[in-house]
Amino acid sequence: MSDAKLSETKLRRSAEEIFADELAALKAGDDRPRPENWLLSPAAVVTYLLGGTAKDGTVISAKYIGNRRLVSKFFQSFRRAVSNNESRRRAA
């Protein structure tokens, strides 16, 4: 197989393709504030990663098994850091 043909071959679909229905359900029901350039709020991202139920009843499968509070705190801190960085860029 040529290198060009090999680079076009997908070994597997991306997470966005595999879980497109879950992501669409989360986005449609997500009414929380989102950082600039994010498609989901931090709370919806936590639900996507750890599993749960979207507002329309779609079951969201867990992609990561871990402490919900710890993951939630991480995304809240990350969101604040991104917001602070964006504010600094606008001021410059």
C-alpha atoms as a PDB file:
ATOM      1  CA  MET A   1       0.000   0.000   0.000  1.00  0.00           C
ATOM      2  CA  SER A   2       1.394   3.409  -0.929  1.00  0.00           C
ATOM      3  CA  ASP A   3       2.077   6.055   1.715  1.00  0.00           C
ATOM      4  CA  ALA A   4      -0.602   8.341   0.235  1.00  0.00           C
ATOM      5  CA  LYS A   5      -3.231   5.596   0.367  1.00  0.00           C
ATOM      6  CA  LEU A   6      -2.199   4.640   3.913  1.00  0.00           C
ATOM      7  CA  SER A   7      -2.514   8.237   5.158  1.00  0.00           C
ATOM      8  CA  GLU A   8      -6.090   8.392   3.816  1.00  0.00           C
ATOM      9  CA  THR A   9      -7.115   5.212   5.641  1.00  0.00           C
ATOM     10  CA  LYS A  10      -8.811   5.671   8.998  1.00  0.00           C
ATOM     11  CA  LEU A  11      -8.054   3.135  11.676  1.00  0.00           C
ATOM     12  CA  ARG A  12     -11.180   4.155  13.548  1.00  0.00           C
ATOM     13  CA  ARG A  13     -13.785   6.883  13.594  1.00  0.00           C
ATOM     14  CA  SER A  14     -13.240   9.960  15.764  1.00  0.00           C
ATOM     15  CA  ALA A  15     -15.058  10.390  19.070  1.00  0.00           C
ATOM     16  CA  GLU A  16     -17.050  13.225  17.478  1.00  0.00           C
ATOM     17  CA  GLU A  17     -18.323  10.767  14.851  1.00  0.00           C
ATOM     18  CA  ILE A  18     -18.942   7.864  17.231  1.00  0.00           C
ATOM     19  CA  PHE A  19     -20.808   9.942  19.824  1.00  0.00           C
ATOM     20  CA  ALA A  20     -22.408  12.513  17.490  1.00  0.00           C
ATOM     21  CA  ASP A  21     -25.936  11.818  18.796  1.00  0.00           C
ATOM     22  CA  GLU A  22     -24.833  12.298  22.410  1.00  0.00           C
ATOM     23  CA  LEU A  23     -22.992  15.518  21.593  1.00  0.00           C
ATOM     24  CA  ALA A  24     -25.970  16.879  19.646  1.00  0.00           C
ATOM     25  CA  ALA A  25     -28.349  16.109  22.526  1.00  0.00           C
ATOM     26  CA  LEU A  26     -26.047  17.790  25.045  1.00  0.00           C
ATOM     27  CA  LYS A  27     -25.604  20.865  22.832  1.00  0.00           C
ATOM     28  CA  ALA A  28     -29.344  21.210  22.198  1.00  0.00           C
ATOM     29  CA  GLY A  29     -30.175  21.157  25.911  1.00  0.00           C
ATOM     30  CA  ASP A  30     -27.167  23.143  27.145  1.00  0.00           C
ATOM     31  CA  ASP A  31     -28.368  26.511  28.429  1.00  0.00           C
ATOM     32  CA  ARG A  32     -25.379  27.229  30.684  1.00  0.00           C
ATOM     33  CA  PRO A  33     -22.689  29.819  29.883  1.00  0.00           C
ATOM     34  CA  ARG A  34     -19.928  28.618  27.580  1.00  0.00           C
ATOM     35  CA  PRO A  35     -16.411  29.956  27.282  1.00  0.00           C
ATOM     36  CA  GLU A  36     -15.647  31.698  24.008  1.00  0.00           C
ATOM     37  CA  ASN A  37     -15.169  29.184  21.158  1.00  0.00           C
ATOM     38  CA  TRP A  38     -16.603  26.262  23.180  1.00  0.00           C
ATOM     39  CA  LEU A  39     -19.590  24.333  21.831  1.00  0.00           C
ATOM     40  CA  LEU A  40     -20.599  23.042  25.285  1.00  0.00           C
ATOM     41  CA  SER A  41     -20.570  24.445  28.801  1.00  0.00           C
ATOM     42  CA  PRO A  42     -18.121  22.936  31.291  1.00  0.00           C
ATOM     43  CA  ALA A  43     -21.051  21.136  32.977  1.00  0.00           C
ATOM     44  CA  ALA A  44     -22.078  19.529  29.673  1.00  0.00           C
ATOM     45  CA  VAL A  45     -18.473  18.470  29.028  1.00  0.00           C
ATOM     46  CA  VAL A  46     -18.409  16.757  32.438  1.00  0.00           C
ATOM     47  CA  THR A  47     -21.653  14.940  31.582  1.00  0.00           C
ATOM     48  CA  TYR A  48     -20.177  13.907  28.225  1.00  0.00           C
ATOM     49  CA  LEU A  49     -17.052  12.498  29.876  1.00  0.00           C
ATOM     50  CA  LEU A  50     -18.582  10.883  32.960  1.00  0.00           C
ATOM     51  CA  GLY A  51     -21.985   9.939  31.579  1.00  0.00           C
ATOM     52  CA  GLY A  52     -25.498  10.902  32.558  1.00  0.00           C
ATOM     53  CA  THR A  53     -28.654  11.995  30.813  1.00  0.00           C
ATOM     54  CA  ALA A  54     -29.206  14.940  28.462  1.00  0.00           C
ATOM     55  CA  LYS A  55     -32.247  17.183  28.975  1.00  0.00           C
ATOM     56  CA  ASP A  56     -34.126  15.371  26.196  1.00  0.00           C
ATOM     57  CA  GLY A  57     -33.567  12.011  27.912  1.00  0.00           C
ATOM     58  CA  THR A  58     -30.693  10.819  25.720  1.00  0.00           C
ATOM     59  CA  VAL A  59     -28.434   8.543  27.748  1.00  0.00           C
ATOM     60  CA  ILE A  60     -24.826   9.748  27.678  1.00  0.00           C
ATOM     61  CA  SER A  61     -22.344   6.889  28.024  1.00  0.00           C
ATOM     62  CA  ALA A  62     -19.312   7.272  30.284  1.00  0.00           C
ATOM     63  CA  LYS A  63     -16.028   7.742  28.462  1.00  0.00           C
ATOM     64  CA  TYR A  64     -14.002   8.172  31.642  1.00  0.00           C
ATOM     65  CA  ILE A  65     -14.555   6.588  35.026  1.00  0.00           C
ATOM     66  CA  GLY A  66     -13.507   8.920  37.807  1.00  0.00           C
ATOM     67  CA  ASN A  67     -14.538  11.274  40.568  1.00  0.00           C
ATOM     68  CA  ARG A  68     -17.263  13.590  39.200  1.00  0.00           C
ATOM     69  CA  ARG A  69     -16.425  16.386  41.646  1.00  0.00           C
ATOM     70  CA  LEU A  70     -12.723  16.319  40.740  1.00  0.00           C
ATOM     71  CA  VAL A  71     -13.434  16.389  36.984  1.00  0.00           C
ATOM     72  CA  SER A  72     -15.991  19.176  37.456  1.00  0.00           C
ATOM     73  CA  LYS A  73     -13.517  21.270  39.463  1.00  0.00           C
ATOM     74  CA  PHE A  74     -10.908  20.767  36.741  1.00  0.00           C
ATOM     75  CA  PHE A  75     -13.215  22.111  34.025  1.00  0.00           C
ATOM     76  CA  GLN A  76     -14.332  25.055  36.170  1.00  0.00           C
ATOM     77  CA  SER A  77     -10.678  25.979  36.775  1.00  0.00           C
ATOM     78  CA  PHE A  78      -9.835  25.450  33.119  1.00  0.00           C
ATOM     79  CA  ARG A  79     -12.745  27.672  32.052  1.00  0.00           C
ATOM     80  CA  ARG A  80     -11.555  30.461  34.358  1.00  0.00           C
ATOM     81  CA  ALA A  81      -8.003  30.189  33.021  1.00  0.00           C
ATOM     82  CA  VAL A  82      -9.259  30.355  29.417  1.00  0.00           C
ATOM     83  CA  SER A  83     -11.472  33.356  30.249  1.00  0.00           C
ATOM     84  CA  ASN A  84      -8.580  35.199  31.944  1.00  0.00           C
ATOM     85  CA  ASN A  85      -6.320  34.518  28.968  1.00  0.00           C
ATOM     86  CA  GLU A  86      -8.952  35.787  26.527  1.00  0.00           C
ATOM     87  CA  SER A  87      -9.412  38.953  28.596  1.00  0.00           C
ATOM     88  CA  ARG A  88      -5.661  39.614  28.552  1.00  0.00           C
ATOM     89  CA  ARG A  89      -5.527  39.121  24.775  1.00  0.00           C
ATOM     90  CA  ARG A  90      -8.380  41.583  24.216  1.00  0.00           C
ATOM     91  CA  ALA A  91      -6.706  44.180  26.454  1.00  0.00           C
ATOM     92  CA  ALA A  92      -3.401  43.943  24.588  1.00  0.00           C
END
